[in-house]
C-alpha atoms as a PDB file:
ATOM      1  CA  MET A   1       6.978   7.540   5.105  1.00  0.00           C
ATOM      2  CA  GLN A   2       5.210  10.863   4.494  1.00  0.00           C
ATOM      3  CA  LYS A   3       4.258   9.790   0.986  1.00  0.00           C
ATOM      4  CA  VAL A   4       2.728   6.578   2.326  1.00  0.00           C
ATOM      5  CA  ASP A   5       0.697   8.551   4.874  1.00  0.00           C
ATOM      6  CA  LEU A   6      -0.458  10.917   2.130  1.00  0.00           C
ATOM      7  CA  ALA A   7      -1.480   7.974  -0.073  1.00  0.00           C
ATOM      8  CA  TYR A   8      -3.310   6.388   2.879  1.00  0.00           C
ATOM      9  CA  LYS A   9      -5.259   9.586   3.488  1.00  0.00           C
ATOM     10  CA  ALA A  10      -6.107   9.773  -0.210  1.00  0.00           C
ATOM     11  CA  VAL A  11      -7.599   6.264  -0.392  1.00  0.00           C
ATOM     12  CA  LYS A  12      -9.023   5.650   3.086  1.00  0.00           C
ATOM     13  CA  GLU A  13     -12.450   7.096   2.240  1.00  0.00           C
ATOM     14  CA  ASP A  14     -12.819   4.637  -0.652  1.00  0.00           C
ATOM     15  CA  ILE A  15     -12.013   1.520   1.417  1.00  0.00           C
ATOM     16  CA  HIS A  16     -14.972  -0.334   2.953  1.00  0.00           C
ATOM     17  CA  ARG A  17     -15.958  -3.785   4.143  1.00  0.00           C
ATOM     18  CA  ALA A  18     -18.208  -5.894   1.955  1.00  0.00           C
ATOM     19  CA  GLU A  19     -21.091  -7.755   3.585  1.00  0.00           C
ATOM     20  CA  ASP A  20     -18.908 -10.861   3.703  1.00  0.00           C
ATOM     21  CA  GLY A  21     -16.156  -8.949   5.558  1.00  0.00           C
ATOM     22  CA  ARG A  22     -13.701  -8.534   2.664  1.00  0.00           C
ATOM     23  CA  LEU A  23     -12.014  -5.174   2.181  1.00  0.00           C
ATOM     24  CA  ILE A  24     -13.136  -3.563  -1.041  1.00  0.00           C
ATOM     25  CA  ALA A  25     -12.723  -0.195  -2.678  1.00  0.00           C
ATOM     26  CA  ARG A  26     -15.565   1.903  -3.972  1.00  0.00           C
ATOM     27  CA  GLY A  27     -14.230   4.243  -6.593  1.00  0.00           C
ATOM     28  CA  GLN A  28     -15.348   5.858  -9.798  1.00  0.00           C
ATOM     29  CA  GLU A  29     -15.400   2.430 -11.448  1.00  0.00           C
ATOM     30  CA  GLY A  30     -17.598   0.855  -8.785  1.00  0.00           C
ATOM     31  CA  GLU A  31     -16.565  -1.803  -6.278  1.00  0.00           C
ATOM     32  CA  GLN A  32     -13.324  -3.651  -6.808  1.00  0.00           C
ATOM     33  CA  ASN A  33     -10.770  -5.781  -5.007  1.00  0.00           C
ATOM     34  CA  LEU A  34      -8.538  -3.766  -2.667  1.00  0.00           C
ATOM     35  CA  LYS A  35      -5.311  -4.927  -4.307  1.00  0.00           C
ATOM     36  CA  GLU A  36      -6.568  -4.009  -7.785  1.00  0.00           C
ATOM     37  CA  TYR A  37      -7.699  -0.610  -6.519  1.00  0.00           C
ATOM     38  CA  LEU A  38      -4.342   0.123  -4.850  1.00  0.00           C
ATOM     39  CA  THR A  39      -2.448  -1.033  -7.937  1.00  0.00           C
ATOM     40  CA  ARG A  40      -4.473   1.328 -10.129  1.00  0.00           C
ATOM     41  CA  PHE A  41      -4.112   4.166  -7.605  1.00  0.00           C
ATOM     42  CA  VAL A  42      -0.323   3.826  -7.546  1.00  0.00           C
ATOM     43  CA  SER A  43      -0.105   3.664 -11.343  1.00  0.00           C
ATOM     44  CA  GLU A  44      -2.193   6.851 -11.577  1.00  0.00           C
ATOM     45  CA  ASN A  45      -0.222   8.599  -8.804  1.00  0.00           C
ATOM     46  CA  PRO A  46       3.440   7.641  -9.254  1.00  0.00           C
ATOM     47  CA  GLU A  47       4.523  10.771  -7.404  1.00  0.00           C
ATOM     48  CA  LEU A  48       3.478   9.010  -4.189  1.00  0.00           C
ATOM     49  CA  LEU A  49       6.077   6.276  -4.734  1.00  0.00           C
ATOM     50  CA  PRO A  50       9.405   6.698  -2.950  1.00  0.00           C
ATOM     51  CA  ALA A  51      12.276   7.916  -5.096  1.00  0.00           C
ATOM     52  CA  ARG A  52      14.259   5.148  -6.712  1.00  0.00           C
ATOM     53  CA  ASN A  53      17.929   5.028  -5.829  1.00  0.00           C
ATOM     54  CA  ILE A  54      19.520   4.210  -9.151  1.00  0.00           C
ATOM     55  CA  GLY A  55      23.033   5.161  -8.156  1.00  0.00           C
ATOM     56  CA  GLY A  56      25.230   7.618  -9.901  1.00  0.00           C
ATOM     57  CA  SER A  57      28.725   8.306 -11.027  1.00  0.00           C
ATOM     58  CA  GLY A  58      31.086   6.150  -9.017  1.00  0.00           C
ATOM     59  CA  ALA A  59      28.336   4.081  -7.438  1.00  0.00           C
ATOM     60  CA  THR A  60      29.497   0.703  -6.227  1.00  0.00           C
ATOM     61  CA  GLY A  61      27.729  -2.606  -6.692  1.00  0.00           C
ATOM     62  CA  ASN A  62      26.756  -2.847  -3.018  1.00  0.00           C
ATOM     63  CA  GLN A  63      23.031  -2.685  -3.716  1.00  0.00           C
ATOM     64  CA  ARG A  64      20.430  -4.277  -1.517  1.00  0.00           C
ATOM     65  CA  THR A  65      17.236  -5.801  -2.789  1.00  0.00           C
ATOM     66  CA  SER A  66      14.099  -5.697  -0.750  1.00  0.00           C
ATOM     67  CA  THR A  67      12.782  -9.105   0.152  1.00  0.00           C
ATOM     68  CA  PHE A  68      10.364  -7.885   2.793  1.00  0.00           C
ATOM     69  CA  THR A  69       7.412 -10.143   3.234  1.00  0.00           C
ATOM     70  CA  SER A  70       4.602  -9.746   5.665  1.00  0.00           C
ATOM     71  CA  ASN A  71       2.305 -12.180   7.316  1.00  0.00           C
ATOM     72  CA  PHE A  72      -0.158  -9.404   8.166  1.00  0.00           C
ATOM     73  CA  ASP A  73      -3.649 -10.207   6.918  1.00  0.00           C
ATOM     74  CA  ILE A  74      -5.032  -7.000   5.446  1.00  0.00           C
ATOM     75  CA  GLU A  75      -8.535  -8.375   5.944  1.00  0.00           C
ATOM     76  CA  LYS A  76      -8.049  -8.052   9.734  1.00  0.00           C
ATOM     77  CA  ILE A  77      -8.147  -4.245   9.642  1.00  0.00           C
ATOM     78  CA  ARG A  78     -10.834  -3.105  12.075  1.00  0.00           C
ATOM     79  CA  PRO A  79     -11.871   0.139  13.761  1.00  0.00           C
ATOM     80  CA  GLY A  80     -10.191   0.632  17.121  1.00  0.00           C
ATOM     81  CA  MET A  81      -7.140  -1.477  16.284  1.00  0.00           C
ATOM     82  CA  PRO A  82      -4.154  -1.071  18.601  1.00  0.00           C
ATOM     83  CA  LYS A  83      -1.640   1.487  17.353  1.00  0.00           C
ATOM     84  CA  GLU A  84       0.979  -1.193  16.628  1.00  0.00           C
ATOM     85  CA  GLU A  85      -1.441  -3.228  14.499  1.00  0.00           C
ATOM     86  CA  LEU A  86      -2.573  -0.108  12.638  1.00  0.00           C
ATOM     87  CA  GLU A  87       1.058   0.670  11.810  1.00  0.00           C
ATOM     88  CA  ARG A  88       1.528  -2.895  10.533  1.00  0.00           C
ATOM     89  CA  ALA A  89      -1.585  -2.408   8.375  1.00  0.00           C
ATOM     90  CA  ARG A  90      -0.162   0.799   6.917  1.00  0.00           C
ATOM     91  CA  GLN A  91       3.128  -0.941   6.187  1.00  0.00           C
ATOM     92  CA  GLU A  92       1.338  -3.795   4.439  1.00  0.00           C
ATOM     93  CA  ILE A  93      -0.741  -1.374   2.350  1.00  0.00           C
ATOM     94  CA  ALA A  94       2.467   0.437   1.420  1.00  0.00           C
ATOM     95  CA  ARG A  95       4.111  -2.879   0.492  1.00  0.00           C
ATOM     96  CA  ILE A  96       1.195  -3.792  -1.757  1.00  0.00           C
ATOM     97  CA  ALA A  97       1.172  -0.339  -3.322  1.00  0.00           C
ATOM     98  CA  LEU A  98       4.911  -0.399  -4.000  1.00  0.00           C
ATOM     99  CA  ASN A  99       4.996  -4.004  -5.255  1.00  0.00           C
ATOM    100  CA  PRO A 100       1.588  -4.612  -6.883  1.00  0.00           C
ATOM    101  CA  ASN A 101       2.751  -7.661  -8.854  1.00  0.00           C
ATOM    102  CA  GLN A 102       3.768  -9.694  -5.817  1.00  0.00           C
END
């Protein structure tokens, strides 16, 4: 989770609300959709992704696939959110960053 916190700290200054309330990112390339921004950020900073467990010598076929889905609406992020909701927001941002094509 430390990598996710580091990534959050790296991008939080670029994330803002548009006049219509949508979350947007203001980066070097101007304003863009939050998901597109996070996808680009992760592709440019792969070291912030968790290590992949690809198995090794003698590894068994007991591999789990992640089917985590969230019903958290990232657009509901607001200043002064309760700690539990803020943690859910961080988890959703991490999910988007780790699985940008979903």
